Protein backbone atom coordinates (compact mmCIF):
# COMPACT_ATOMS: atom_id res chain seq x y z
CA MET A 1 26.82 19.84 27.96
CA PRO A 2 24.85 20.51 31.14
CA VAL A 3 22.64 17.41 31.33
CA PRO A 4 20.33 16.73 34.31
CA VAL A 5 21.26 13.60 36.27
CA MET A 6 18.56 11.52 37.96
CA ALA A 7 20.19 11.44 41.44
CA ASP A 8 20.52 15.24 41.51
CA MET A 9 16.92 15.78 40.38
CA ILE A 10 15.52 13.40 42.99
CA ALA A 11 17.65 15.12 45.67
CA LYS A 12 15.95 18.41 44.72
CA GLY A 13 12.54 16.73 44.95
CA GLU A 14 11.98 16.90 41.17
CA THR A 15 10.83 14.07 38.88
CA PRO A 16 11.61 14.20 35.14
CA GLU A 17 8.97 13.35 32.55
CA ILE A 18 11.33 10.86 30.85
CA LEU A 19 14.56 9.06 31.57
CA PHE A 20 16.94 9.29 28.61
CA TRP A 21 18.83 5.99 28.38
CA VAL A 22 22.08 6.96 26.66
CA GLY A 23 23.55 3.47 26.06
CA CYS A 24 27.19 2.43 25.63
CA ALA A 25 27.55 3.74 22.06
CA GLY A 26 25.93 7.09 22.88
CA SER A 27 28.21 7.46 25.93
CA TYR A 28 31.60 6.26 24.68
CA ASP A 29 31.68 6.14 20.88
CA GLN A 30 32.86 9.49 19.50
CA ARG A 31 30.55 9.35 16.50
CA ALA A 32 27.51 8.28 18.55
CA GLN A 33 28.19 11.02 21.12
CA LYS A 34 27.22 13.50 18.39
CA ILE A 35 23.82 11.76 18.11
CA THR A 36 23.37 11.99 21.91
CA LYS A 37 24.23 15.71 21.83
CA ALA A 38 21.85 16.36 18.92
CA PHE A 39 18.98 14.58 20.69
CA ILE A 40 19.63 16.39 23.99
CA SER A 41 19.74 19.75 22.17
CA ILE A 42 16.26 18.95 20.75
CA LEU A 43 14.87 18.01 24.20
CA ASP A 44 16.29 21.25 25.63
CA LYS A 45 14.80 23.36 22.82
CA VAL A 46 11.29 21.92 23.11
CA GLY A 47 11.37 21.96 26.91
CA VAL A 48 10.88 18.24 27.59
CA SER A 49 11.76 17.43 31.21
CA TYR A 50 14.35 14.63 31.17
CA ALA A 51 17.29 13.19 33.10
CA ILE A 52 19.98 10.56 32.55
CA LEU A 53 21.33 8.02 35.04
CA GLY A 54 24.92 9.15 34.44
CA LYS A 55 27.43 6.91 36.21
CA GLU A 56 24.59 4.70 37.49
CA GLU A 57 23.76 3.54 33.94
CA ALA A 58 25.32 0.18 33.02
CA CYS A 59 25.17 -1.67 29.68
CA THR A 60 21.75 -3.26 29.20
CA GLY A 61 23.47 -6.61 28.59
CA ASP A 62 22.17 -6.92 25.02
CA PRO A 63 25.56 -7.81 23.43
CA ALA A 64 26.23 -10.38 26.18
CA ARG A 65 22.87 -12.10 25.69
CA ARG A 66 23.16 -12.07 21.89
CA ALA A 67 26.65 -13.57 22.15
CA GLY A 68 25.29 -16.32 24.41
CA ASN A 69 26.51 -15.17 27.84
CA GLU A 70 23.22 -15.32 29.74
CA PHE A 71 24.94 -15.06 33.15
CA ILE A 72 26.54 -11.67 32.37
CA PHE A 73 23.29 -10.44 30.81
CA GLN A 74 21.23 -11.26 33.90
CA MET A 75 23.81 -9.68 36.21
CA MET A 76 23.71 -6.43 34.22
CA ALA A 77 19.94 -6.50 33.81
CA TYR A 78 19.24 -6.99 37.54
CA GLN A 79 21.63 -4.17 38.41
CA ASN A 80 19.86 -1.80 35.98
CA ILE A 81 16.38 -2.87 37.08
CA GLN A 82 17.28 -2.22 40.72
CA THR A 83 18.51 1.30 39.82
CA LEU A 84 15.46 2.08 37.66
CA ASN A 85 12.97 0.74 40.21
CA ASN A 86 14.67 2.66 43.04
CA TYR A 87 13.94 5.86 41.12
CA ALA A 88 10.40 4.63 40.27
CA ILE A 89 11.08 5.18 36.55
CA LYS A 90 7.98 4.88 34.37
CA LYS A 91 9.04 6.18 30.95
CA ILE A 92 12.37 5.60 29.15
CA VAL A 93 13.54 7.04 25.82
CA THR A 94 16.64 5.73 24.06
CA ALA A 95 18.39 6.45 20.76
CA CYS A 96 19.64 2.84 20.48
CA PRO A 97 17.29 0.17 19.07
CA HIS A 98 19.30 -2.55 20.84
CA CYS A 99 18.72 -0.89 24.24
CA PHE A 100 15.11 -0.15 23.21
CA ASN A 101 14.34 -3.76 22.30
CA ILE A 102 15.86 -5.36 25.38
CA LEU A 103 14.41 -2.82 27.85
CA LYS A 104 10.97 -3.06 26.26
CA ASN A 105 10.70 -6.79 25.54
CA GLU A 106 13.18 -8.65 27.73
CA TYR A 107 13.44 -6.70 31.00
CA PRO A 108 9.76 -7.17 32.04
CA VAL A 109 10.33 -10.91 32.71
CA LEU A 110 13.05 -9.94 35.21
CA GLY A 111 10.87 -7.36 36.96
CA GLY A 112 11.68 -4.24 34.91
CA LYS A 113 8.38 -2.96 33.50
CA TYR A 114 8.57 0.46 31.85
CA GLU A 115 7.10 2.38 28.94
CA VAL A 116 10.02 2.37 26.48
CA ILE A 117 10.09 4.68 23.45
CA HIS A 118 12.65 4.94 20.68
CA HIS A 119 13.88 8.47 19.96
CA ALA A 120 12.60 8.36 16.35
CA VAL A 121 9.05 7.77 17.66
CA LEU A 122 9.35 10.59 20.22
CA LEU A 123 10.70 12.99 17.56
CA GLN A 124 7.81 12.14 15.25
CA GLN A 125 5.33 12.76 18.12
CA LEU A 126 6.95 16.13 18.92
CA ILE A 127 6.74 17.13 15.22
CA ASP A 128 3.05 16.08 15.09
CA GLU A 129 2.30 18.07 18.26
CA GLY A 130 3.95 21.13 16.73
CA LYS A 131 6.58 21.29 19.48
CA ILE A 132 9.40 20.74 16.97
CA LYS A 133 9.21 23.47 14.36
CA LEU A 134 11.29 22.93 11.23
CA LYS A 135 12.66 25.62 8.95
CA GLY A 136 11.17 25.67 5.47
CA GLY A 137 13.94 25.47 2.88
CA GLY A 138 16.28 24.26 5.59
CA SER A 139 19.69 22.61 5.39
CA PHE A 140 18.35 19.65 3.42
CA LYS A 141 16.23 21.38 0.79
CA GLY A 142 16.56 19.56 -2.52
CA LYS A 143 18.58 16.71 -0.97
CA ARG A 144 17.72 13.05 -1.44
CA ILE A 145 17.53 11.01 1.77
CA THR A 146 17.25 7.23 2.00
CA TYR A 147 16.29 5.64 5.32
CA HIS A 148 17.94 2.43 6.54
CA ASP A 149 15.66 0.26 8.72
CA SER A 150 17.34 -0.97 11.89
CA CYS A 151 16.49 -4.65 12.49
CA TYR A 152 15.54 -4.03 16.13
CA LEU A 153 13.23 -1.16 15.21
CA GLY A 154 11.74 -2.69 12.09
CA ARG A 155 11.35 -6.44 12.10
CA ALA A 156 11.68 -6.84 15.89
CA ASN A 157 9.27 -4.06 16.90
CA ASN A 158 7.36 -3.17 13.74
CA ILE A 159 8.41 0.52 13.78
CA TYR A 160 8.56 1.57 10.15
CA GLU A 161 6.32 4.64 9.82
CA ALA A 162 7.54 6.96 12.63
CA PRO A 163 11.12 7.44 11.37
CA ARG A 164 9.88 8.02 7.82
CA LYS A 165 7.24 10.52 8.96
CA ALA A 166 9.89 12.42 10.91
CA LEU A 167 12.09 12.52 7.79
CA GLU A 168 9.17 13.56 5.57
CA ALA A 169 8.83 16.68 7.72
CA LEU A 170 12.24 17.80 6.40
CA ASP A 171 12.33 19.74 3.15
CA ALA A 172 13.92 16.83 1.26
CA GLU A 173 13.04 13.94 -1.06
CA LEU A 174 12.74 10.54 0.62
CA VAL A 175 13.86 7.66 -1.63
CA GLU A 176 13.62 3.98 -0.69
CA MET A 177 16.25 1.30 -1.14
CA LYS A 178 15.33 -1.92 -2.94
CA ARG A 179 15.31 -3.80 0.37
CA CYS A 180 13.36 -1.67 2.84
CA GLY A 181 10.65 -1.95 5.50
CA SER A 182 10.08 -5.56 6.60
CA LYS A 183 12.47 -6.71 3.84
CA GLY A 184 15.26 -4.33 4.94
CA LEU A 185 18.82 -5.65 4.97
CA CYS A 186 20.76 -5.78 8.25
CA CYS A 187 23.78 -3.43 8.49
CA GLY A 188 25.88 -6.36 9.69
CA ALA A 189 26.24 -5.37 13.38
CA GLY A 190 23.24 -7.03 15.04
CA GLY A 191 23.36 -10.12 17.24
CA ALA A 192 26.69 -9.00 18.82
CA GLN A 193 28.39 -9.14 15.39
CA MET A 194 29.56 -5.57 16.12
CA PHE A 195 32.06 -6.97 18.61
CA LYS A 196 33.46 -10.03 16.88
CA GLU A 197 35.53 -10.89 13.85
CA GLU A 198 33.52 -11.61 10.74
CA GLU A 199 33.36 -15.06 9.17
CA LYS A 200 34.73 -15.60 5.67
CA GLY A 201 32.41 -14.70 2.83
CA THR A 202 32.34 -12.97 -0.53
CA GLU A 203 31.23 -9.49 0.58
CA ARG A 204 30.75 -7.60 3.84
CA ILE A 205 27.10 -6.94 4.65
CA ASN A 206 27.71 -3.23 5.31
CA THR A 207 29.42 -2.87 1.90
CA ALA A 208 26.44 -4.49 0.17
CA ARG A 209 24.09 -2.18 2.06
CA ALA A 210 26.14 0.93 1.27
CA LYS A 211 26.08 0.02 -2.45
CA GLU A 212 22.29 -0.39 -2.27
CA ALA A 213 21.96 3.04 -0.62
CA ALA A 214 24.28 4.67 -3.17
CA SER A 215 22.25 3.20 -6.05
CA THR A 216 19.23 5.31 -4.97
CA GLY A 217 21.21 8.47 -5.76
CA ALA A 218 20.79 9.63 -2.16
CA ASP A 219 22.96 12.39 -0.69
CA ILE A 220 22.19 11.25 2.86
CA ILE A 221 21.64 7.86 4.47
CA ALA A 222 19.41 8.38 7.51
CA ALA A 223 19.84 5.89 10.34
CA ALA A 224 18.18 5.56 13.74
CA CYS A 225 20.78 3.34 15.41
CA PRO A 226 24.40 4.04 16.45
CA PHE A 227 25.53 0.56 15.31
CA CYS A 228 23.91 1.02 11.88
CA ASN A 229 25.53 4.45 11.68
CA THR A 230 29.01 3.00 12.24
CA MET A 231 28.52 0.12 9.79
CA LEU A 232 27.04 2.28 7.04
CA SER A 233 29.75 4.95 7.47
CA ASP A 234 32.39 2.22 7.07
CA GLY A 235 30.51 0.81 4.06
CA VAL A 236 30.35 4.22 2.38
CA LYS A 237 34.12 4.60 2.89
CA THR A 238 34.75 1.13 1.44
CA ILE A 239 32.90 2.02 -1.77
CA GLU A 240 34.75 5.39 -1.77
CA LYS A 241 31.61 7.53 -1.65
CA GLU A 242 32.23 9.41 1.61
CA GLU A 243 32.62 12.70 -0.28
CA GLY A 244 29.13 12.48 -1.77
CA ILE A 245 27.11 10.55 0.83
CA LYS A 246 26.70 11.49 4.50
CA VAL A 247 25.41 9.04 7.13
CA LEU A 248 23.35 10.91 9.74
CA ASP A 249 21.01 9.96 12.56
CA ILE A 250 17.40 11.20 12.47
CA ALA A 251 18.12 13.33 15.57
CA GLU A 252 21.03 15.04 13.81
CA LEU A 253 18.92 15.79 10.73
CA ILE A 254 16.12 17.29 12.84
CA ALA A 255 18.48 19.22 15.14
CA GLN A 256 20.05 20.88 12.08
CA SER A 257 16.63 21.76 10.61
CA MET A 258 14.96 23.23 13.70
CA GLU A 259 13.98 26.89 13.87
C-alpha cells in the first residue's frame, strides 16, 4: 500500500494532520496487518492527512515495562520521544490500546507530550461528523455483534462508549457479554502475558472469554486491540466455533461497510 512516511512529507515541506503509530503487531503480525490496512483504507477514503514513521518507529517499550525491564523500556521510550519531538508531532493515532496507553499516560513524564487518540475514538468522531458514510443494509445487516472491551481502553482509560457507538452505526444488532464495560474480562494477553508461557490453571482466560462471547449468540466478536484479536481468535478455535464466529477489529467492520 502506498503509505505516506513522515521523513518524506517533511522533506516536501508538508505536515500531516496526524501521525499514525502502527505498533509492532500492526507492522509484523500477519493478522494485525489486515487491521492496519483496513484503517489506512478508511483514512485514505475520508481524506485525513496522515503519515507513519516507517523504519523510524520502534516498539513503545510497553511489553518490556510490563515484564519488569525498566531499563529496556526507558531506552526505547527515549529513542521514540527524540524521533517524535524532532518532527514536532502533536497528534498521534494508534490502533493498539497498549501503544495508546503508554504514549498517552507514561511518555509525558519522560518528555513526550502528545495528544494521543485510539483509532476507535477517531472512527466514531468521523462517523459523527458524517465523513464516514456507511451503507444501509451493508455486509452486517441482521448479524449479531458482541464487543470485547480491551483492558487498556476500558478500565485503564475509561473508553467504553466510542467503540460501541461506532458499532451501533453498522446495520447490526449489538449484544453484550455478561462481563462487559468496567467489569469486562481480560483476553489473557495484557501485562506482557502475550509473550510468556502461561502458568498452570484450570482454564485459559481466552477460552473462558470465547465461551462467554459464544453464549451471546453473536456471529461476530468485535475487538479494538490486535492482542485481543489474536487471543479471541485462538479461543474461538479452541471451542471449535471458528466456522460460525468471526473475530474482527472495529476498523475492519467499518471498512467493509463504507459506501
